[in-house]
């Protein structure tokens, strides 16, 4: 598997989905997973798979000493050293590398992202030559070139996993370079997995793919660990909190959240609104809240991760995801796990599998405002969505997704 991010170092749903999917797949038994990351940070969970740091794979032979190699890789014994020396080698002398012949990666989304994508694909070829495997699985567009290179080197089938397309990220103002990378990956793929039927239709109609090789593979959620379940909500008894949690970008529709909040606050002042996250529209949303005269009821706590996310959710009375185009959207499932009544846009992939929530068009700020007001002022509705929503998402688990993926692998490989 090729991926770009992995918990606990994540910037969005891609890393969360990568973790859940690989863990669910590993639970099926008889599966050995090697997950390639540009730059692991050392605190990732290795318990159910092997993680390879692409920044530690040499691509240029610089004849390092055995001592230098073991200083970098203290677990390496004598036989491993000879394998390293004799087999993990390619001649890319025009690529800048360190003293052991490795390419550096930021482990993030830097300004030179396309250069890092290209370098990652180079290393993927080295990895593919040096390992034994049955199938290649590439997550999102950043790793499609790596998957293609690995397929060309090994001759093994390639599965690409479409977590989003540039049509989702750009509201239709597609970057031609990104589109070309996405389409090339799809053209080379033996099979394409999409996180929703919404995304599957985009892949078929916008990227001109054969429907027979494109399937829907909905995401799921991990069970909440006990320490998260034990979080005590920090709430004021006579005040409701409505939360938006995600990247503050045009894909997520943050302006519709602010406009709906302004409508709600014309009817009541006992509700606070929280826009948690970061993104290129954050300053514009702060200004918009001020322009609507609701800044005193609005909070912008910034980017949250790990325990902070669940503390924020548990302190909320309503969660809302007004995304303009959301391939799936894991955050509403996480909110419903925390017994938070949830509102989602009909233009989201998770709307295909969730029933115990309220669905509105992202642009319909009046319906959004009515839903917020109703949940906050109708105890019966609040209780129904709280209880039934949790029951629903508790049945949406990654081990079921893992079983479906394994069945798909077997079909691709011609196995019974």
Protein backbone atom coordinates (compact mmCIF):
# COMPACT_ATOMS: atom_id res chain seq x y z
CA UNK A 1 0.00 0.00 0.00
CA UNK A 2 1.07 3.53 -0.81
CA UNK A 3 -0.30 6.34 1.37
CA UNK A 4 0.56 9.94 2.17
CA UNK A 5 -0.49 10.32 5.80
CA UNK A 6 -1.23 8.10 8.78
CA UNK A 7 -2.32 8.69 12.39
CA UNK A 8 -1.43 10.32 14.66
CA UNK A 9 -0.02 12.78 12.09
CA UNK A 10 -3.01 13.63 9.93
CA UNK A 11 -4.47 16.70 8.28
CA UNK A 12 -7.85 15.27 7.26
CA UNK A 13 -9.90 12.18 6.64
CA UNK A 14 -7.34 10.48 4.38
CA UNK A 15 -5.08 9.40 7.25
CA UNK A 16 -8.02 8.33 9.41
CA UNK A 17 -9.43 6.21 6.58
CA UNK A 18 -6.02 4.69 5.83
CA UNK A 19 -5.70 3.56 9.43
CA UNK A 20 -9.19 2.10 9.71
CA UNK A 21 -9.04 0.37 6.35
CA UNK A 22 -5.66 -1.30 6.95
CA UNK A 23 -6.64 -2.35 10.46
CA UNK A 24 -9.93 -3.81 9.21
CA UNK A 25 -8.10 -5.65 6.44
CA UNK A 26 -5.49 -7.05 8.84
CA UNK A 27 -8.27 -8.42 11.07
CA UNK A 28 -9.33 -10.78 8.27
CA UNK A 29 -6.21 -12.92 8.80
CA UNK A 30 -3.82 -14.23 6.17
CA UNK A 31 -2.97 -10.71 4.99
CA UNK A 32 0.51 -9.14 5.21
CA UNK A 33 0.38 -5.38 4.68
CA UNK A 34 3.35 -3.14 3.96
CA UNK A 35 2.29 0.51 4.15
CA UNK A 36 4.65 3.00 2.50
CA UNK A 37 4.74 6.56 3.88
CA UNK A 38 6.88 9.46 2.65
CA UNK A 39 8.19 10.14 6.16
CA UNK A 40 6.97 8.21 9.23
CA UNK A 41 7.40 10.03 12.54
CA UNK A 42 8.05 6.93 14.63
CA UNK A 43 4.88 6.91 16.72
CA UNK A 44 2.60 5.18 14.21
CA UNK A 45 0.87 1.93 15.15
CA UNK A 46 2.97 -0.95 13.73
CA UNK A 47 1.05 -3.70 15.49
CA UNK A 48 -0.91 -4.97 12.47
CA UNK A 49 1.32 -4.10 9.51
CA UNK A 50 4.80 -3.05 8.46
CA UNK A 51 5.44 0.63 7.79
CA UNK A 52 8.18 1.59 5.34
CA UNK A 53 9.54 5.14 5.38
CA UNK A 54 10.27 6.13 1.78
CA UNK A 55 12.83 8.58 3.17
CA UNK A 56 14.90 5.60 4.41
CA UNK A 57 14.98 3.62 1.15
CA UNK A 58 18.26 4.19 -0.76
CA UNK A 59 17.86 4.87 -4.47
CA UNK A 60 21.49 5.74 -5.26
CA UNK A 61 24.42 3.48 -4.39
CA UNK A 62 26.97 5.39 -2.35
CA UNK A 63 28.74 2.31 -0.92
CA UNK A 64 28.12 3.13 2.76
CA UNK A 65 29.96 1.16 5.40
CA UNK A 66 28.23 -1.54 7.38
CA UNK A 67 28.58 0.68 10.48
CA UNK A 68 26.87 3.63 8.75
CA UNK A 69 23.98 1.44 7.67
CA UNK A 70 23.51 -0.06 11.14
CA UNK A 71 23.61 3.40 12.71
CA UNK A 72 20.63 4.34 10.53
CA UNK A 73 18.93 0.93 10.85
CA UNK A 74 19.91 -0.51 14.27
CA UNK A 75 17.73 -3.61 13.75
CA UNK A 76 19.72 -4.69 10.67
CA UNK A 77 21.83 -7.85 11.05
CA UNK A 78 24.67 -8.99 8.80
CA UNK A 79 22.47 -10.76 6.26
CA UNK A 80 20.13 -7.78 6.05
CA UNK A 81 23.14 -5.60 5.27
CA UNK A 82 24.12 -7.70 2.27
CA UNK A 83 20.51 -7.61 1.03
CA UNK A 84 20.57 -3.83 1.42
CA UNK A 85 23.87 -3.58 -0.39
CA UNK A 86 23.18 -5.94 -3.27
CA UNK A 87 19.47 -5.64 -4.06
CA UNK A 88 17.96 -2.32 -2.97
CA UNK A 89 19.62 -0.21 -5.61
CA UNK A 90 18.69 1.92 -8.61
CA UNK A 91 20.68 4.55 -10.49
CA UNK A 92 19.01 7.94 -10.06
CA UNK A 93 22.17 10.00 -9.81
CA UNK A 94 20.35 13.21 -10.79
CA UNK A 95 18.17 13.07 -7.65
CA UNK A 96 19.43 14.79 -4.51
CA UNK A 97 20.01 12.19 -1.79
CA UNK A 98 21.68 11.98 1.61
CA UNK A 99 24.89 10.13 2.45
CA UNK A 100 23.11 6.77 2.32
CA UNK A 101 21.47 7.48 -1.02
CA UNK A 102 17.99 8.26 0.39
CA UNK A 103 15.62 10.98 -0.80
CA UNK A 104 14.25 13.35 1.84
CA UNK A 105 10.52 13.97 2.30
CA UNK A 106 8.67 16.55 4.40
CA UNK A 107 5.93 14.14 5.50
CA UNK A 108 3.41 16.90 4.82
CA UNK A 109 1.99 18.85 1.86
CA UNK A 110 4.85 21.24 1.00
CA UNK A 111 5.04 23.93 -1.69
CA UNK A 112 7.06 21.52 -3.85
CA UNK A 113 4.38 18.83 -3.51
CA UNK A 114 4.59 17.70 -7.15
CA UNK A 115 8.34 17.21 -6.82
CA UNK A 116 7.79 15.06 -3.73
CA UNK A 117 5.10 13.04 -5.56
CA UNK A 118 7.57 12.35 -8.35
CA UNK A 119 10.35 11.40 -5.92
CA UNK A 120 7.94 9.15 -4.01
CA UNK A 121 7.14 7.32 -7.25
CA UNK A 122 10.87 6.81 -7.89
CA UNK A 123 11.31 5.20 -4.48
CA UNK A 124 8.21 3.09 -5.12
CA UNK A 125 10.03 1.43 -8.00
CA UNK A 126 12.92 0.51 -5.71
CA UNK A 127 10.53 -0.90 -3.09
CA UNK A 128 8.67 -2.91 -5.75
CA UNK A 129 11.93 -4.48 -6.96
CA UNK A 130 13.02 -5.50 -3.47
CA UNK A 131 9.81 -6.93 -2.00
CA UNK A 132 7.52 -9.92 -2.60
CA UNK A 133 3.81 -9.07 -2.80
CA UNK A 134 0.60 -9.98 -4.64
CA UNK A 135 -1.21 -6.68 -5.15
CA UNK A 136 -0.60 -2.91 -5.05
CA UNK A 137 -3.05 -0.49 -3.42
CA UNK A 138 -2.59 3.29 -3.83
CA UNK A 139 -4.50 5.81 -1.70
CA UNK A 140 -5.50 9.10 -3.30
CA UNK A 141 -3.93 10.97 -6.22
CA UNK A 142 -0.59 11.72 -4.57
CA UNK A 143 0.38 8.03 -4.68
CA UNK A 144 -1.09 7.05 -8.06
CA UNK A 145 2.27 7.62 -9.87
CA UNK A 146 3.94 5.38 -7.26
CA UNK A 147 1.35 2.67 -7.86
CA UNK A 148 1.86 2.87 -11.62
CA UNK A 149 5.65 2.62 -11.26
CA UNK A 150 5.35 -0.34 -8.89
CA UNK A 151 3.00 -2.06 -11.35
CA UNK A 152 5.37 -1.50 -14.26
CA UNK A 153 8.32 -2.86 -12.26
CA UNK A 154 6.54 -5.88 -10.75
CA UNK A 155 3.79 -6.74 -13.20
CA UNK A 156 1.39 -7.03 -10.24
CA UNK A 157 -2.20 -5.67 -10.39
CA UNK A 158 -2.87 -2.13 -9.20
CA UNK A 159 -5.87 -0.99 -7.14
CA UNK A 160 -6.33 2.73 -6.64
CA UNK A 161 -8.51 4.10 -3.84
CA UNK A 162 -10.27 7.35 -4.69
CA UNK A 163 -10.84 9.22 -1.44
CA UNK A 164 -11.57 12.45 -3.35
CA UNK A 165 -11.15 13.96 -6.79
CA UNK A 166 -10.12 17.45 -7.81
CA UNK A 167 -13.74 18.09 -8.78
CA UNK A 168 -14.54 17.83 -5.04
CA UNK A 169 -11.63 19.91 -3.82
CA UNK A 170 -12.01 22.75 -6.34
CA UNK A 171 -15.81 23.06 -6.74
CA UNK A 172 -15.30 22.27 -10.43
CA UNK A 173 -12.34 24.63 -11.03
CA UNK A 174 -10.12 21.64 -11.75
CA UNK A 175 -6.33 21.87 -11.78
CA UNK A 176 -5.31 20.29 -15.12
CA UNK A 177 -2.07 18.87 -13.68
CA UNK A 178 -3.87 17.15 -10.82
CA UNK A 179 -6.60 15.93 -13.16
CA UNK A 180 -3.96 14.40 -15.45
CA UNK A 181 -2.35 12.55 -12.51
CA UNK A 182 -5.75 11.28 -11.33
CA UNK A 183 -6.84 10.12 -14.78
CA UNK A 184 -3.51 8.46 -15.51
CA UNK A 185 -3.80 6.49 -12.26
CA UNK A 186 -7.33 5.42 -13.14
CA UNK A 187 -6.33 4.42 -16.67
CA UNK A 188 -3.51 2.19 -15.39
CA UNK A 189 -5.51 0.71 -12.51
CA UNK A 190 -6.83 -2.83 -12.70
CA UNK A 191 -9.56 -1.78 -10.28
CA UNK A 192 -10.78 1.50 -8.79
CA UNK A 193 -12.33 1.70 -5.31
CA UNK A 194 -14.39 4.81 -4.51
CA UNK A 195 -15.50 5.91 -1.06
CA UNK A 196 -19.08 6.53 -2.25
CA UNK A 197 -21.41 6.07 -5.20
CA UNK A 198 -21.22 9.84 -5.60
CA UNK A 199 -17.47 9.55 -6.20
CA UNK A 200 -17.92 6.46 -8.38
CA UNK A 201 -20.18 8.41 -10.73
CA UNK A 202 -17.62 11.23 -10.89
CA UNK A 203 -14.90 8.71 -11.79
CA UNK A 204 -17.07 7.14 -14.52
CA UNK A 205 -18.41 10.38 -16.02
CA UNK A 206 -15.59 12.89 -15.51
CA UNK A 207 -12.60 10.55 -15.90
CA UNK A 208 -14.24 8.30 -18.51
CA UNK A 209 -13.65 4.97 -16.76
CA UNK A 210 -15.29 1.64 -17.51
CA UNK A 211 -18.03 1.16 -14.86
CA UNK A 212 -17.13 -2.54 -14.64
CA UNK A 213 -13.79 -1.77 -13.01
CA UNK A 214 -15.11 0.85 -10.56
CA UNK A 215 -16.71 -0.16 -7.23
CA UNK A 216 -18.05 1.65 -4.17
CA UNK A 217 -16.26 1.01 -0.87
CA UNK A 218 -17.85 3.16 1.85
CA UNK A 219 -15.75 4.20 4.83
CA UNK A 220 -16.49 3.31 8.45
CA UNK A 221 -15.37 4.27 11.97
CA UNK A 222 -13.16 2.74 14.64
CA UNK A 223 -14.83 1.89 17.98
CA UNK A 224 -14.19 4.63 20.53
CA UNK A 225 -11.48 3.67 23.03
CA UNK A 226 -12.44 3.74 26.69
CA UNK A 227 -10.48 6.90 27.46
CA UNK A 228 -12.52 8.75 24.82
CA UNK A 229 -15.81 7.31 26.08
CA UNK A 230 -14.89 8.55 29.55
CA UNK A 231 -14.51 12.20 28.48
CA UNK A 232 -16.90 14.36 30.50
CA UNK A 233 -18.54 17.03 28.31
CA UNK A 234 -17.72 20.61 29.31
CA UNK A 235 -21.04 22.39 28.79
CA UNK A 236 -23.00 25.28 30.19
CA UNK A 237 -26.42 23.91 31.20
CA UNK A 238 -28.54 26.65 29.61
CA UNK A 239 -26.58 27.13 26.40
CA UNK A 240 -26.41 25.01 23.24
CA UNK A 241 -23.30 24.55 21.08
CA UNK A 242 -23.40 23.91 17.33
CA UNK A 243 -20.13 22.71 15.79
CA UNK A 244 -18.50 22.64 12.37
CA UNK A 245 -15.27 20.63 12.48
CA UNK A 246 -13.06 20.22 9.42
CA UNK A 247 -10.91 22.02 6.91
CA UNK A 248 -12.16 25.58 6.41
CA UNK A 249 -12.03 25.45 2.62
CA UNK A 250 -14.58 26.02 -0.12
CA UNK A 251 -15.19 22.27 -0.49
CA UNK A 252 -16.57 22.15 3.06
CA UNK A 253 -19.09 24.99 2.62
CA UNK A 254 -18.13 27.01 5.73
CA UNK A 255 -19.90 30.15 4.52
CA UNK A 256 -23.25 28.32 4.56
CA UNK A 257 -22.64 27.40 8.20
CA UNK A 258 -22.04 31.07 9.09
CA UNK A 259 -25.10 32.25 7.15
CA UNK A 260 -27.31 29.59 8.79
CA UNK A 261 -25.95 30.62 12.20
CA UNK A 262 -26.93 34.23 11.52
CA UNK A 263 -30.50 33.11 10.75
CA UNK A 264 -30.69 31.02 13.93
CA UNK A 265 -29.41 33.87 16.09
CA UNK A 266 -32.22 36.10 14.83
CA UNK A 267 -34.58 33.73 16.67
CA UNK A 268 -32.56 32.96 19.83
CA UNK A 269 -29.39 33.99 21.62
CA UNK A 270 -28.94 30.82 23.68
CA UNK A 271 -26.79 29.08 21.06
CA UNK A 272 -23.06 29.34 20.41
CA UNK A 273 -21.38 28.32 17.15
CA UNK A 274 -17.97 26.71 16.90
CA UNK A 275 -15.96 26.48 13.67
CA UNK A 276 -13.06 24.18 14.55
CA UNK A 277 -10.32 23.66 12.02
CA UNK A 278 -8.00 25.60 9.78
CA UNK A 279 -7.82 26.42 6.09
CA UNK A 280 -7.52 29.14 3.49
CA UNK A 281 -11.04 30.50 4.18
CA UNK A 282 -10.64 30.90 7.93
CA UNK A 283 -9.96 34.66 7.91
CA UNK A 284 -12.82 35.22 5.48
CA UNK A 285 -15.18 33.35 7.83
CA UNK A 286 -14.05 35.42 10.80
CA UNK A 287 -14.84 38.56 8.79
CA UNK A 288 -18.19 37.15 7.64
CA UNK A 289 -19.23 36.40 11.22
CA UNK A 290 -18.32 39.99 12.15
CA UNK A 291 -20.24 41.38 9.17
CA UNK A 292 -23.35 39.43 10.20
CA UNK A 293 -23.06 40.80 13.75
CA UNK A 294 -22.66 37.39 15.38
CA UNK A 295 -18.97 37.42 16.31
CA UNK A 296 -19.83 37.38 20.02
CA UNK A 297 -21.57 34.01 19.52
CA UNK A 298 -18.89 32.49 17.28
CA UNK A 299 -15.69 30.65 18.22
CA UNK A 300 -12.69 29.70 16.05
CA UNK A 301 -10.50 27.36 18.17
CA UNK A 302 -8.26 26.32 15.25
CA UNK A 303 -7.03 22.92 14.10
CA UNK A 304 -7.79 20.00 16.39
CA UNK A 305 -6.61 16.41 16.45
CA UNK A 306 -6.81 13.29 18.59
CA UNK A 307 -8.47 13.77 21.95
CA UNK A 308 -9.20 17.44 21.22
CA UNK A 309 -11.62 16.43 18.45
CA UNK A 310 -13.66 14.26 20.81
CA UNK A 311 -13.62 16.85 23.59
CA UNK A 312 -15.05 19.33 21.10
CA UNK A 313 -17.68 16.89 19.84
CA UNK A 314 -18.79 15.84 23.31
CA UNK A 315 -19.22 19.49 24.25
CA UNK A 316 -21.56 19.98 21.26
CA UNK A 317 -25.32 19.68 21.02
CA UNK A 318 -25.41 19.64 17.21
CA UNK A 319 -22.79 18.72 14.63
CA UNK A 320 -23.09 20.00 11.07
CA UNK A 321 -21.23 19.21 7.84
CA UNK A 322 -22.49 21.53 5.07
CA UNK A 323 -20.03 20.27 2.43
CA UNK A 324 -20.53 21.36 -1.16
CA UNK A 325 -18.98 18.15 -2.47
CA UNK A 326 -17.91 15.53 0.06
CA UNK A 327 -16.71 12.18 -1.33
CA UNK A 328 -17.58 10.55 1.99
CA UNK A 329 -17.09 12.48 5.25
CA UNK A 330 -16.04 10.51 8.33
CA UNK A 331 -16.57 13.32 10.83
CA UNK A 332 -20.40 12.98 11.01
CA UNK A 333 -19.95 9.31 11.94
CA UNK A 334 -17.51 10.32 14.68
CA UNK A 335 -20.01 12.90 15.97
CA UNK A 336 -22.84 10.34 16.02
CA UNK A 337 -20.53 7.95 17.93
CA UNK A 338 -20.33 10.69 20.57
CA UNK A 339 -24.14 10.88 20.68
CA UNK A 340 -24.28 14.26 18.96
CA UNK A 341 -27.32 14.88 16.70
CA UNK A 342 -25.99 15.51 13.21
CA UNK A 343 -26.91 17.52 10.12
CA UNK A 344 -25.20 16.69 6.80
CA UNK A 345 -25.46 17.92 3.24
CA UNK A 346 -27.21 15.74 0.69
CA UNK A 347 -24.10 16.27 -1.45
CA UNK A 348 -21.98 14.01 0.78
CA UNK A 349 -21.07 10.36 0.31
CA UNK A 350 -21.94 9.41 3.89
CA UNK A 351 -25.53 10.48 3.16
CA UNK A 352 -25.76 7.23 1.16
CA UNK A 353 -25.42 5.09 4.30
CA UNK A 354 -26.69 7.32 7.15
CA UNK A 355 -30.38 7.56 7.99
CA UNK A 356 -30.51 8.72 11.63
CA UNK A 357 -29.49 12.29 10.89
CA UNK A 358 -30.95 15.32 9.14
CA UNK A 359 -29.99 15.88 5.48
CA UNK A 360 -30.24 19.24 3.72
CA UNK A 361 -28.91 20.75 0.51
CA UNK A 362 -25.65 22.55 1.29
CA UNK A 363 -26.95 25.80 -0.22
CA UNK A 364 -30.28 25.80 1.67
CA UNK A 365 -29.32 27.91 4.66
CA UNK A 366 -32.98 28.25 5.69
CA UNK A 367 -33.46 24.47 5.97
CA UNK A 368 -30.12 24.27 7.77
CA UNK A 369 -31.15 26.97 10.24
CA UNK A 370 -34.54 25.29 10.83
CA UNK A 371 -32.80 21.96 11.53
CA UNK A 372 -30.37 23.56 14.00
CA UNK A 373 -33.16 25.42 15.81
CA UNK A 374 -35.38 22.33 15.95
CA UNK A 375 -32.72 20.07 17.44
CA UNK A 376 -31.78 22.70 20.03
CA UNK A 377 -35.39 23.36 21.07
CA UNK A 378 -37.13 20.01 20.64
CA UNK A 379 -35.94 17.59 23.36
CA UNK A 380 -37.67 14.60 21.74
CA UNK A 381 -35.96 15.18 18.38
CA UNK A 382 -32.63 15.73 20.11
CA UNK A 383 -32.95 12.49 22.10
CA UNK A 384 -34.06 10.45 19.07
CA UNK A 385 -31.11 11.55 16.91
CA UNK A 386 -28.69 11.12 19.81
CA UNK A 387 -29.70 7.54 20.64
CA UNK A 388 -30.58 6.18 17.20
CA UNK A 389 -27.64 7.88 15.54
CA UNK A 390 -25.18 6.14 17.84
CA UNK A 391 -26.86 2.76 17.24
CA UNK A 392 -26.55 3.26 13.50
CA UNK A 393 -22.85 4.15 13.36
CA UNK A 394 -21.87 1.49 15.88
CA UNK A 395 -22.82 -1.04 13.19
CA UNK A 396 -20.64 0.65 10.51
CA UNK A 397 -17.26 -0.96 11.24
CA UNK A 398 -13.93 -1.21 9.43
CA UNK A 399 -13.71 -5.00 9.76
CA UNK A 400 -16.71 -5.25 7.41
CA UNK A 401 -14.94 -2.94 4.96
CA UNK A 402 -11.79 -5.06 5.31
CA UNK A 403 -13.74 -8.19 4.38
CA UNK A 404 -15.17 -6.51 1.27
CA UNK A 405 -11.72 -5.31 0.21
CA UNK A 406 -10.20 -8.77 0.71
CA UNK A 407 -12.98 -10.30 -1.39
CA UNK A 408 -12.24 -7.75 -4.10
CA UNK A 409 -8.51 -8.56 -3.99
CA UNK A 410 -9.31 -12.25 -4.46
CA UNK A 411 -11.50 -11.48 -7.45
CA UNK A 412 -8.80 -9.31 -9.04
CA UNK A 413 -6.21 -12.05 -8.47
CA UNK A 414 -8.54 -14.77 -9.74
CA UNK A 415 -8.63 -16.53 -6.37
CA UNK A 416 -11.59 -18.41 -4.90
